[in-house]
């Protein structure tokens, strides 16, 4: 059920989503984000520079740590998104 919901959301986005995003693995940093922040991150990957994505990831990790008491490893989240960033820039 969760997989179908994510696939519907991801199908609406104008980017190709790589395998790590489709995995239902709660250990991925991506799945620690709430639904809106996941959508924002995917939108950013499709529309802004890598530097802006990195800045947003750092910002959101700090916000989650202080506001929601959720620890998000920004380096790990960035690594999970690396394939998307490289794909967007045309390096893959």
PDB file of N, CA and C in Angstrom:
ATOM      1  N   UNK A   1       0.821  -1.177   0.000  1.00  0.00           N
ATOM      2  CA  UNK A   1       0.000   0.000   0.000  1.00  0.00           C
ATOM      3  C   UNK A   1       0.875   1.254   0.000  1.00  0.00           C
ATOM      4  N   UNK A   2       1.878   1.287   0.878  1.00  0.00           N
ATOM      5  CA  UNK A   2       2.797   2.413   0.951  1.00  0.00           C
ATOM      6  C   UNK A   2       3.553   2.569  -0.374  1.00  0.00           C
ATOM      7  N   UNK A   3       3.953   1.451  -0.951  1.00  0.00           N
ATOM      8  CA  UNK A   3       4.689   1.474  -2.209  1.00  0.00           C
ATOM      9  C   UNK A   3       3.854   2.088  -3.328  1.00  0.00           C
ATOM     10  N   UNK A   4       2.595   1.763  -3.382  1.00  0.00           N
ATOM     11  CA  UNK A   4       1.719   2.321  -4.412  1.00  0.00           C
ATOM     12  C   UNK A   4       1.592   3.833  -4.261  1.00  0.00           C
ATOM     13  N   UNK A   5       1.469   4.303  -3.016  1.00  0.00           N
ATOM     14  CA  UNK A   5       1.346   5.735  -2.770  1.00  0.00           C
ATOM     15  C   UNK A   5       2.603   6.474  -3.209  1.00  0.00           C
ATOM     16  N   UNK A   6       3.780   5.937  -2.857  1.00  0.00           N
ATOM     17  CA  UNK A   6       5.028   6.568  -3.261  1.00  0.00           C
ATOM     18  C   UNK A   6       5.190   6.550  -4.776  1.00  0.00           C
ATOM     19  N   UNK A   7       4.826   5.450  -5.413  1.00  0.00           N
ATOM     20  CA  UNK A   7       4.945   5.375  -6.864  1.00  0.00           C
ATOM     21  C   UNK A   7       4.044   6.395  -7.546  1.00  0.00           C
ATOM     22  N   UNK A   8       2.837   6.607  -7.020  1.00  0.00           N
ATOM     23  CA  UNK A   8       1.946   7.616  -7.591  1.00  0.00           C
ATOM     24  C   UNK A   8       2.559   9.005  -7.468  1.00  0.00           C
ATOM     25  N   UNK A   9       3.099   9.301  -6.290  1.00  0.00           N
ATOM     26  CA  UNK A   9       3.730  10.604  -6.074  1.00  0.00           C
ATOM     27  C   UNK A   9       4.926  10.769  -6.998  1.00  0.00           C
ATOM     28  N   UNK A  10       5.771   9.750  -7.058  1.00  0.00           N
ATOM     29  CA  UNK A  10       6.984   9.836  -7.862  1.00  0.00           C
ATOM     30  C   UNK A  10       6.674   9.911  -9.349  1.00  0.00           C
ATOM     31  N   UNK A  11       5.578   9.285  -9.786  1.00  0.00           N
ATOM     32  CA  UNK A  11       5.198   9.354 -11.193  1.00  0.00           C
ATOM     33  C   UNK A  11       4.770  10.757 -11.604  1.00  0.00           C
ATOM     34  N   UNK A  12       4.345  11.569 -10.645  1.00  0.00           N
ATOM     35  CA  UNK A  12       3.932  12.937 -10.939  1.00  0.00           C
ATOM     36  C   UNK A  12       5.112  13.884 -11.091  1.00  0.00           C
ATOM     37  N   UNK A  13       6.270  13.474 -10.608  1.00  0.00           N
ATOM     38  CA  UNK A  13       7.447  14.327 -10.644  1.00  0.00           C
ATOM     39  C   UNK A  13       8.151  14.233 -11.988  1.00  0.00           C
ATOM     40  N   UNK A  14       8.708  15.352 -12.458  1.00  0.00           N
ATOM     41  CA  UNK A  14       9.331  15.376 -13.783  1.00  0.00           C
ATOM     42  C   UNK A  14      10.788  14.911 -13.779  1.00  0.00           C
ATOM     43  N   UNK A  15      11.109  13.895 -12.971  1.00  0.00           N
ATOM     44  CA  UNK A  15      12.479  13.379 -12.948  1.00  0.00           C
ATOM     45  C   UNK A  15      12.447  11.868 -12.934  1.00  0.00           C
ATOM     46  N   UNK A  16      13.543  11.276 -13.312  1.00  0.00           N
ATOM     47  CA  UNK A  16      13.700   9.841 -13.225  1.00  0.00           C
ATOM     48  C   UNK A  16      14.182   9.524 -11.817  1.00  0.00           C
ATOM     49  N   UNK A  17      13.473   8.651 -11.145  1.00  0.00           N
ATOM     50  CA  UNK A  17      13.822   8.323  -9.773  1.00  0.00           C
ATOM     51  C   UNK A  17      14.625   7.033  -9.772  1.00  0.00           C
ATOM     52  N   UNK A  18      15.737   7.055  -9.071  1.00  0.00           N
ATOM     53  CA  UNK A  18      16.603   5.892  -9.041  1.00  0.00           C
ATOM     54  C   UNK A  18      16.172   4.907  -7.958  1.00  0.00           C
ATOM     55  N   UNK A  19      16.711   3.721  -8.026  1.00  0.00           N
ATOM     56  CA  UNK A  19      16.343   2.615  -7.160  1.00  0.00           C
ATOM     57  C   UNK A  19      16.284   2.948  -5.666  1.00  0.00           C
ATOM     58  N   UNK A  20      17.239   3.656  -5.066  1.00  0.00           N
ATOM     59  CA  UNK A  20      17.163   3.869  -3.620  1.00  0.00           C
ATOM     60  C   UNK A  20      15.892   4.573  -3.172  1.00  0.00           C
ATOM     61  N   UNK A  21      15.323   5.433  -4.001  1.00  0.00           N
ATOM     62  CA  UNK A  21      14.117   6.130  -3.603  1.00  0.00           C
ATOM     63  C   UNK A  21      12.902   5.225  -3.594  1.00  0.00           C
ATOM     64  N   UNK A  22      12.918   4.177  -4.379  1.00  0.00           N
ATOM     65  CA  UNK A  22      11.772   3.288  -4.466  1.00  0.00           C
ATOM     66  C   UNK A  22      11.798   2.196  -3.407  1.00  0.00           C
ATOM     67  N   UNK A  23      12.913   2.036  -2.735  1.00  0.00           N
ATOM     68  CA  UNK A  23      13.025   1.006  -1.705  1.00  0.00           C
ATOM     69  C   UNK A  23      12.243   1.430  -0.475  1.00  0.00           C
ATOM     70  N   UNK A  24      11.512   0.500   0.106  1.00  0.00           N
ATOM     71  CA  UNK A  24      10.804   0.806   1.345  1.00  0.00           C
ATOM     72  C   UNK A  24      11.687   0.400   2.506  1.00  0.00           C
ATOM     73  N   UNK A  25      12.776   1.075   2.654  1.00  0.00           N
ATOM     74  CA  UNK A  25      13.731   0.765   3.698  1.00  0.00           C
ATOM     75  C   UNK A  25      13.762   1.947   4.648  1.00  0.00           C
ATOM     76  N   UNK A  26      13.177   1.768   5.826  1.00  0.00           N
ATOM     77  CA  UNK A  26      13.096   2.866   6.779  1.00  0.00           C
ATOM     78  C   UNK A  26      14.469   3.309   7.280  1.00  0.00           C
ATOM     79  N   UNK A  27      15.511   2.562   6.967  1.00  0.00           N
ATOM     80  CA  UNK A  27      16.855   2.964   7.384  1.00  0.00           C
ATOM     81  C   UNK A  27      17.424   4.042   6.478  1.00  0.00           C
ATOM     82  N   UNK A  28      16.828   4.243   5.313  1.00  0.00           N
ATOM     83  CA  UNK A  28      17.285   5.307   4.429  1.00  0.00           C
ATOM     84  C   UNK A  28      16.910   6.657   5.029  1.00  0.00           C
ATOM     85  N   UNK A  29      17.825   7.581   4.949  1.00  0.00           N
ATOM     86  CA  UNK A  29      17.576   8.929   5.475  1.00  0.00           C
ATOM     87  C   UNK A  29      16.389   9.578   4.759  1.00  0.00           C
ATOM     88  N   UNK A  30      16.236   9.276   3.484  1.00  0.00           N
ATOM     89  CA  UNK A  30      15.142   9.840   2.692  1.00  0.00           C
ATOM     90  C   UNK A  30      13.795   9.592   3.355  1.00  0.00           C
ATOM     91  N   UNK A  31      13.601   8.411   3.935  1.00  0.00           N
ATOM     92  CA  UNK A  31      12.319   8.061   4.528  1.00  0.00           C
ATOM     93  C   UNK A  31      12.137   8.624   5.932  1.00  0.00           C
ATOM     94  N   UNK A  32      13.141   9.290   6.476  1.00  0.00           N
ATOM     95  CA  UNK A  32      12.971  10.008   7.736  1.00  0.00           C
ATOM     96  C   UNK A  32      12.288  11.346   7.505  1.00  0.00           C
ATOM     97  N   UNK A  33      12.345  11.837   6.271  1.00  0.00           N
ATOM     98  CA  UNK A  33      11.682  13.092   5.930  1.00  0.00           C
ATOM     99  C   UNK A  33      10.184  12.865   5.845  1.00  0.00           C
ATOM    100  N   UNK A  34       9.406  13.896   6.196  1.00  0.00           N
ATOM    101  CA  UNK A  34       7.970  13.745   6.012  1.00  0.00           C
ATOM    102  C   UNK A  34       7.644  13.861   4.523  1.00  0.00           C
ATOM    103  N   UNK A  35       6.415  13.566   4.174  1.00  0.00           N
ATOM    104  CA  UNK A  35       6.020  13.473   2.768  1.00  0.00           C
ATOM    105  C   UNK A  35       6.273  14.770   1.995  1.00  0.00           C
ATOM    106  N   UNK A  36       5.954  15.894   2.598  1.00  0.00           N
ATOM    107  CA  UNK A  36       6.146  17.182   1.917  1.00  0.00           C
ATOM    108  C   UNK A  36       7.630  17.438   1.667  1.00  0.00           C
ATOM    109  N   UNK A  37       8.471  17.167   2.660  1.00  0.00           N
ATOM    110  CA  UNK A  37       9.902  17.403   2.488  1.00  0.00           C
ATOM    111  C   UNK A  37      10.505  16.462   1.450  1.00  0.00           C
ATOM    112  N   UNK A  38       9.982  15.246   1.337  1.00  0.00           N
ATOM    113  CA  UNK A  38      10.439  14.341   0.264  1.00  0.00           C
ATOM    114  C   UNK A  38      10.110  14.939  -1.096  1.00  0.00           C
ATOM    115  N   UNK A  39       8.897  15.467  -1.231  1.00  0.00           N
ATOM    116  CA  UNK A  39       8.496  16.084  -2.501  1.00  0.00           C
ATOM    117  C   UNK A  39       9.368  17.295  -2.815  1.00  0.00           C
ATOM    118  N   UNK A  40       9.635  18.104  -1.795  1.00  0.00           N
ATOM    119  CA  UNK A  40      10.481  19.288  -1.984  1.00  0.00           C
ATOM    120  C   UNK A  40      11.871  18.873  -2.448  1.00  0.00           C
ATOM    121  N   UNK A  41      12.440  17.863  -1.792  1.00  0.00           N
ATOM    122  CA  UNK A  41      13.774  17.401  -2.166  1.00  0.00           C
ATOM    123  C   UNK A  41      13.797  16.906  -3.608  1.00  0.00           C
ATOM    124  N   UNK A  42      12.817  16.140  -3.996  1.00  0.00           N
ATOM    125  CA  UNK A  42      12.766  15.647  -5.376  1.00  0.00           C
ATOM    126  C   UNK A  42      12.576  16.793  -6.371  1.00  0.00           C
ATOM    127  N   UNK A  43      11.776  17.783  -6.006  1.00  0.00           N
ATOM    128  CA  UNK A  43      11.597  18.939  -6.878  1.00  0.00           C
ATOM    129  C   UNK A  43      12.910  19.699  -7.012  1.00  0.00           C
ATOM    130  N   UNK A  44      13.594  19.905  -5.888  1.00  0.00           N
ATOM    131  CA  UNK A  44      14.874  20.609  -5.927  1.00  0.00           C
ATOM    132  C   UNK A  44      15.873  19.894  -6.835  1.00  0.00           C
ATOM    133  N   UNK A  45      15.901  18.570  -6.754  1.00  0.00           N
ATOM    134  CA  UNK A  45      16.817  17.801  -7.600  1.00  0.00           C
ATOM    135  C   UNK A  45      16.556  18.059  -9.084  1.00  0.00           C
ATOM    136  N   UNK A  46      15.300  18.294  -9.420  1.00  0.00           N
ATOM    137  CA  UNK A  46      14.930  18.498 -10.816  1.00  0.00           C
ATOM    138  C   UNK A  46      15.101  19.938 -11.292  1.00  0.00           C
ATOM    139  N   UNK A  47      15.158  20.899 -10.349  1.00  0.00           N
ATOM    140  CA  UNK A  47      15.069  22.288 -10.779  1.00  0.00           C
ATOM    141  C   UNK A  47      16.174  23.234 -10.332  1.00  0.00           C
ATOM    142  N   UNK A  48      17.011  22.838  -9.391  1.00  0.00           N
ATOM    143  CA  UNK A  48      18.018  23.777  -8.893  1.00  0.00           C
ATOM    144  C   UNK A  48      19.412  23.150  -8.944  1.00  0.00           C
ATOM    145  N   UNK A  49      20.401  23.955  -8.644  1.00  0.00           N
ATOM    146  CA  UNK A  49      21.787  23.495  -8.694  1.00  0.00           C
ATOM    147  C   UNK A  49      22.107  22.543  -7.536  1.00  0.00           C
ATOM    148  N   UNK A  50      23.167  21.784  -7.712  1.00  0.00           N
ATOM    149  CA  UNK A  50      23.619  20.850  -6.685  1.00  0.00           C
ATOM    150  C   UNK A  50      23.931  21.593  -5.388  1.00  0.00           C
ATOM    151  N   UNK A  51      24.539  22.749  -5.502  1.00  0.00           N
ATOM    152  CA  UNK A  51      24.888  23.544  -4.327  1.00  0.00           C
ATOM    153  C   UNK A  51      23.639  23.907  -3.516  1.00  0.00           C
ATOM    154  N   UNK A  52      22.572  24.246  -4.205  1.00  0.00           N
ATOM    155  CA  UNK A  52      21.315  24.575  -3.521  1.00  0.00           C
ATOM    156  C   UNK A  52      20.711  23.351  -2.847  1.00  0.00           C
ATOM    157  N   UNK A  53      20.805  22.198  -3.492  1.00  0.00           N
ATOM    158  CA  UNK A  53      20.291  20.952  -2.899  1.00  0.00           C
ATOM    159  C   UNK A  53      21.057  20.635  -1.620  1.00  0.00           C
ATOM    160  N   UNK A  54      22.375  20.750  -1.669  1.00  0.00           N
ATOM    161  CA  UNK A  54      23.207  20.477  -0.493  1.00  0.00           C
ATOM    162  C   UNK A  54      22.847  21.440   0.644  1.00  0.00           C
ATOM    163  N   UNK A  55      22.662  22.701   0.325  1.00  0.00           N
ATOM    164  CA  UNK A  55      22.307  23.698   1.346  1.00  0.00           C
ATOM    165  C   UNK A  55      20.953  23.367   1.967  1.00  0.00           C
ATOM    166  N   UNK A  56      19.988  22.970   1.146  1.00  0.00           N
ATOM    167  CA  UNK A  56      18.669  22.624   1.674  1.00  0.00           C
ATOM    168  C   UNK A  56      18.744  21.385   2.557  1.00  0.00           C
ATOM    169  N   UNK A  57      19.504  20.385   2.143  1.00  0.00           N
ATOM    170  CA  UNK A  57      19.657  19.169   2.947  1.00  0.00           C
ATOM    171  C   UNK A  57      20.263  19.524   4.309  1.00  0.00           C
ATOM    172  N   UNK A  58      21.293  20.354   4.333  1.00  0.00           N
ATOM    173  CA  UNK A  58      21.891  20.774   5.603  1.00  0.00           C
ATOM    174  C   UNK A  58      20.879  21.527   6.467  1.00  0.00           C
ATOM    175  N   UNK A  59      20.120  22.404   5.830  1.00  0.00           N
ATOM    176  CA  UNK A  59      19.112  23.182   6.555  1.00  0.00           C
ATOM    177  C   UNK A  59      18.045  22.271   7.147  1.00  0.00           C
ATOM    178  N   UNK A  60      17.514  21.364   6.349  1.00  0.00           N
ATOM    179  CA  UNK A  60      16.416  20.515   6.812  1.00  0.00           C
ATOM    180  C   UNK A  60      16.893  19.546   7.892  1.00  0.00           C
ATOM    181  N   UNK A  61      18.137  19.093   7.802  1.00  0.00           N
ATOM    182  CA  UNK A  61      18.684  18.217   8.848  1.00  0.00           C
ATOM    183  C   UNK A  61      18.744  18.957  10.180  1.00  0.00           C
ATOM    184  N   UNK A  62      19.139  20.223  10.150  1.00  0.00           N
ATOM    185  CA  UNK A  62      19.177  21.041  11.362  1.00  0.00           C
ATOM    186  C   UNK A  62      17.771  21.274  11.908  1.00  0.00           C
ATOM    187  N   UNK A  63      16.823  21.579  11.032  1.00  0.00           N
ATOM    188  CA  UNK A  63      15.441  21.809  11.455  1.00  0.00           C
ATOM    189  C   UNK A  63      14.841  20.566  12.100  1.00  0.00           C
ATOM    190  N   UNK A  64      15.070  19.406  11.511  1.00  0.00           N
ATOM    191  CA  UNK A  64      14.542  18.162  12.074  1.00  0.00           C
ATOM    192  C   UNK A  64      15.180  17.867  13.429  1.00  0.00           C
ATOM    193  N   UNK A  65      16.463  18.122  13.543  1.00  0.00           N
ATOM    194  CA  UNK A  65      17.158  17.859  14.810  1.00  0.00           C
ATOM    195  C   UNK A  65      16.602  18.747  15.928  1.00  0.00           C
ATOM    196  N   UNK A  66      16.381  20.022  15.649  1.00  0.00           N
ATOM    197  CA  UNK A  66      15.917  20.957  16.680  1.00  0.00           C
ATOM    198  C   UNK A  66      14.405  20.924  16.873  1.00  0.00           C
ATOM    199  N   UNK A  67      13.658  20.843  15.791  1.00  0.00           N
ATOM    200  CA  UNK A  67      12.204  20.941  15.881  1.00  0.00           C
ATOM    201  C   UNK A  67      11.474  19.636  16.111  1.00  0.00           C
ATOM    202  N   UNK A  68      11.997  18.557  15.572  1.00  0.00           N
ATOM    203  CA  UNK A  68      11.289  17.279  15.643  1.00  0.00           C
ATOM    204  C   UNK A  68      12.062  16.210  16.403  1.00  0.00           C
ATOM    205  N   UNK A  69      13.238  16.556  16.871  1.00  0.00           N
ATOM    206  CA  UNK A  69      14.115  15.598  17.577  1.00  0.00           C
ATOM    207  C   UNK A  69      14.379  14.347  16.741  1.00  0.00           C
ATOM    208  N   UNK A  70      14.521  14.546  15.442  1.00  0.00           N
ATOM    209  CA  UNK A  70      14.846  13.462  14.512  1.00  0.00           C
ATOM    210  C   UNK A  70      16.230  13.757  13.948  1.00  0.00           C
ATOM    211  N   UNK A  71      17.113  12.784  14.052  1.00  0.00           N
ATOM    212  CA  UNK A  71      18.460  12.976  13.532  1.00  0.00           C
ATOM    213  C   UNK A  71      18.521  12.496  12.087  1.00  0.00           C
ATOM    214  N   UNK A  72      18.881  13.411  11.199  1.00  0.00           N
ATOM    215  CA  UNK A  72      19.063  13.087   9.787  1.00  0.00           C
ATOM    216  C   UNK A  72      20.524  13.363   9.460  1.00  0.00           C
ATOM    217  N   UNK A  73      21.191  12.364   8.958  1.00  0.00           N
ATOM    218  CA  UNK A  73      22.588  12.502   8.557  1.00  0.00           C
ATOM    219  C   UNK A  73      22.599  13.147   7.170  1.00  0.00           C
ATOM    220  N   UNK A  74      22.946  14.410   7.107  1.00  0.00           N
ATOM    221  CA  UNK A  74      22.888  15.135   5.833  1.00  0.00           C
ATOM    222  C   UNK A  74      23.849  14.544   4.801  1.00  0.00           C
ATOM    223  N   UNK A  75      25.010  14.071   5.238  1.00  0.00           N
ATOM    224  CA  UNK A  75      25.953  13.453   4.301  1.00  0.00           C
ATOM    225  C   UNK A  75      25.376  12.171   3.705  1.00  0.00           C
ATOM    226  N   UNK A  76      24.731  11.390   4.543  1.00  0.00           N
ATOM    227  CA  UNK A  76      24.141  10.134   4.066  1.00  0.00           C
ATOM    228  C   UNK A  76      22.956  10.416   3.134  1.00  0.00           C
ATOM    229  N   UNK A  77      22.121  11.405   3.492  1.00  0.00           N
ATOM    230  CA  UNK A  77      20.996  11.769   2.634  1.00  0.00           C
ATOM    231  C   UNK A  77      21.504  12.257   1.284  1.00  0.00           C
ATOM    232  N   UNK A  78      22.557  13.065   1.303  1.00  0.00           N
ATOM    233  CA  UNK A  78      23.143  13.546   0.060  1.00  0.00           C
ATOM    234  C   UNK A  78      23.656  12.369  -0.778  1.00  0.00           C
ATOM    235  N   UNK A  79      24.312  11.401  -0.124  1.00  0.00           N
ATOM    236  CA  UNK A  79      24.817  10.227  -0.842  1.00  0.00           C
ATOM    237  C   UNK A  79      23.675   9.435  -1.479  1.00  0.00           C
ATOM    238  N   UNK A  80      22.551   9.334  -0.768  1.00  0.00           N
ATOM    239  CA  UNK A  80      21.389   8.635  -1.322  1.00  0.00           C
ATOM    240  C   UNK A  80      20.859   9.349  -2.565  1.00  0.00           C
ATOM    241  N   UNK A  81      21.013  10.667  -2.603  1.00  0.00           N
ATOM    242  CA  UNK A  81      20.504  11.460  -3.717  1.00  0.00           C
ATOM    243  C   UNK A  81      21.546  11.672  -4.817  1.00  0.00           C
ATOM    244  N   UNK A  82      22.761  11.230  -4.596  1.00  0.00           N
ATOM    245  CA  UNK A  82      23.867  11.490  -5.521  1.00  0.00           C
ATOM    246  C   UNK A  82      23.557  11.042  -6.945  1.00  0.00           C
ATOM    247  N   UNK A  83      22.960   9.879  -7.111  1.00  0.00           N
ATOM    248  CA  UNK A  83      22.624   9.410  -8.454  1.00  0.00           C
ATOM    249  C   UNK A  83      21.684  10.369  -9.161  1.00  0.00           C
ATOM    250  N   UNK A  84      20.708  10.904  -8.436  1.00  0.00           N
ATOM    251  CA  UNK A  84      19.786  11.859  -9.041  1.00  0.00           C
ATOM    252  C   UNK A  84      20.506  13.143  -9.428  1.00  0.00           C
ATOM    253  N   UNK A  85      21.403  13.605  -8.576  1.00  0.00           N
ATOM    254  CA  UNK A  85      22.135  14.837  -8.857  1.00  0.00           C
ATOM    255  C   UNK A  85      23.021  14.650 -10.089  1.00  0.00           C
ATOM    256  N   UNK A  86      23.715  13.521 -10.162  1.00  0.00           N
ATOM    257  CA  UNK A  86      24.572  13.252 -11.313  1.00  0.00           C
ATOM    258  C   UNK A  86      23.752  13.097 -12.581  1.00  0.00           C
ATOM    259  N   UNK A  87      22.608  12.456 -12.470  1.00  0.00           N
ATOM    260  CA  UNK A  87      21.739  12.277 -13.637  1.00  0.00           C
ATOM    261  C   UNK A  87      21.256  13.640 -14.139  1.00  0.00           C
ATOM    262  N   UNK A  88      20.869  14.519 -13.218  1.00  0.00           N
ATOM    263  CA  UNK A  88      20.381  15.846 -13.587  1.00  0.00           C
ATOM    264  C   UNK A  88      21.463  16.649 -14.293  1.00  0.00           C
ATOM    265  N   UNK A  89      22.689  16.526 -13.822  1.00  0.00           N
ATOM    266  CA  UNK A  89      23.768  17.322 -14.403  1.00  0.00           C
ATOM    267  C   UNK A  89      24.296  16.745 -15.714  1.00  0.00           C
ATOM    268  N   UNK A  90      23.816  15.549 -16.069  1.00  0.00           N
ATOM    269  CA  UNK A  90      24.231  14.934 -17.326  1.00  0.00           C
ATOM    270  C   UNK A  90      25.512  14.142 -17.230  1.00  0.00           C
ATOM    271  N   UNK A  91      26.020  13.918 -16.038  1.00  0.00           N
ATOM    272  CA  UNK A  91      27.261  13.170 -15.866  1.00  0.00           C
ATOM    273  C   UNK A  91      27.052  11.668 -15.968  1.00  0.00           C
ATOM    274  N   UNK A  92      25.809  11.217 -15.887  1.00  0.00           N
ATOM    275  CA  UNK A  92      25.532   9.772 -16.028  1.00  0.00           C
ATOM    276  C   UNK A  92      24.861   9.551 -17.360  1.00  0.00           C
TER     277      UNK A  92
END
